[in-house]
Amino acid sequence: MSRRQGRTADQGGTRPAPVVLPPEDDDVAVGDQVARAAKPAPAPKRKRPAFGSYLDADLQREFKARCAIEGIEMQDALDDAIRAWLDQNRP
């Protein structure tokens, strides 16, 4: 028994000729290139030594929440706070 030929999306018609872009469109991004081109390059991370500390749980939660609302990293806010404290408490 022979197999019946399956149907295709174009119903057996001919394929259209590929579209050739003119040379001035060489910088056009397509497919995966669009997603890669849309993402901004991440800012380089500063090298910082590790710093550990203990905080009251409520203070830590509030600090973390405010940093998230402001859109800043906790380490940057902590850096600013320590610098401000050092400026205010100069010998």
Protein backbone atom coordinates (compact mmCIF):
# COMPACT_ATOMS: atom_id res chain seq x y z
CA MET A 1 0.00 0.00 0.00
CA SER A 2 1.50 3.33 -0.99
CA ARG A 3 1.43 6.36 1.22
CA ARG A 4 -0.72 9.27 0.32
CA GLN A 5 1.21 12.51 -0.16
CA GLY A 6 0.54 14.95 2.67
CA ARG A 7 -0.81 18.43 2.19
CA THR A 8 1.42 21.44 2.71
CA ALA A 9 0.64 24.93 3.90
CA ASP A 10 0.97 26.34 0.40
CA GLN A 11 -1.13 23.51 -1.05
CA GLY A 12 1.69 22.33 -3.28
CA GLY A 13 2.31 25.68 -4.92
CA THR A 14 5.69 27.17 -5.65
CA ARG A 15 7.69 29.02 -3.07
CA PRO A 16 7.95 32.77 -3.48
CA ALA A 17 11.37 34.15 -4.37
CA PRO A 18 13.33 35.39 -1.34
CA VAL A 19 13.24 39.12 -0.76
CA VAL A 20 16.62 40.74 -1.23
CA LEU A 21 17.15 43.92 0.74
CA PRO A 22 18.86 46.83 -0.95
CA PRO A 23 22.41 47.64 0.30
CA GLU A 24 21.24 50.70 2.28
CA ASP A 25 19.28 48.37 4.58
CA ASP A 26 22.37 46.47 5.79
CA ASP A 27 21.92 47.80 9.34
CA VAL A 28 18.39 46.40 9.68
CA ALA A 29 18.11 44.02 12.67
CA VAL A 30 15.95 40.92 12.26
CA GLY A 31 14.98 37.96 14.39
CA ASP A 32 17.24 37.39 17.40
CA GLN A 33 19.26 40.49 16.51
CA VAL A 34 16.30 42.69 17.52
CA ALA A 35 16.24 41.35 21.08
CA ARG A 36 20.01 41.68 21.42
CA ALA A 37 20.05 45.20 19.98
CA ALA A 38 17.24 46.40 22.26
CA LYS A 39 19.03 45.52 25.52
CA PRO A 40 21.28 48.25 26.86
CA ALA A 41 24.75 47.21 27.88
CA PRO A 42 24.95 46.57 31.63
CA ALA A 43 26.93 49.07 33.66
CA PRO A 44 30.30 47.72 34.73
CA LYS A 45 30.34 46.50 38.32
CA ARG A 46 32.69 48.22 40.71
CA LYS A 47 35.09 46.01 42.61
CA ARG A 48 34.18 46.21 46.28
CA PRO A 49 35.45 44.20 49.19
CA ALA A 50 32.86 42.18 51.10
CA PHE A 51 31.25 43.91 54.07
CA GLY A 52 29.04 42.10 56.56
CA SER A 53 26.79 43.51 59.21
CA TYR A 54 23.72 42.69 61.24
CA LEU A 55 20.58 44.84 61.26
CA ASP A 56 17.26 44.67 63.00
CA ALA A 57 14.94 42.65 60.73
CA ASP A 58 12.38 45.48 60.41
CA LEU A 59 15.12 48.00 59.53
CA GLN A 60 16.55 45.65 56.91
CA ARG A 61 13.12 45.06 55.32
CA GLU A 62 12.37 48.80 55.16
CA PHE A 63 15.83 49.54 53.73
CA LYS A 64 15.44 46.84 51.07
CA ALA A 65 11.93 48.03 50.15
CA ARG A 66 12.98 51.69 49.83
CA CYS A 67 15.96 50.76 47.69
CA ALA A 68 13.65 48.77 45.41
CA ILE A 69 11.18 51.66 45.17
CA GLU A 70 14.00 54.09 44.35
CA GLY A 71 15.48 51.62 41.85
CA ILE A 72 18.92 51.57 43.45
CA GLU A 73 21.02 48.73 44.76
CA MET A 74 21.28 48.32 48.51
CA GLN A 75 25.07 48.48 48.37
CA ASP A 76 24.92 51.87 46.61
CA ALA A 77 22.50 53.27 49.20
CA LEU A 78 24.66 51.92 52.00
CA ASP A 79 27.75 53.45 50.41
CA ASP A 80 25.98 56.86 50.27
CA ALA A 81 24.76 56.56 53.87
CA ILE A 82 28.21 55.69 55.22
CA ARG A 83 29.84 58.55 53.29
CA ALA A 84 27.22 61.00 54.63
CA TRP A 85 27.77 59.75 58.18
CA LEU A 86 31.55 60.08 57.81
CA ASP A 87 31.17 63.65 56.47
CA GLN A 88 28.94 64.62 59.42
CA ASN A 89 31.26 63.05 61.98
CA ARG A 90 34.64 64.39 60.97
CA PRO A 91 37.16 64.68 63.84
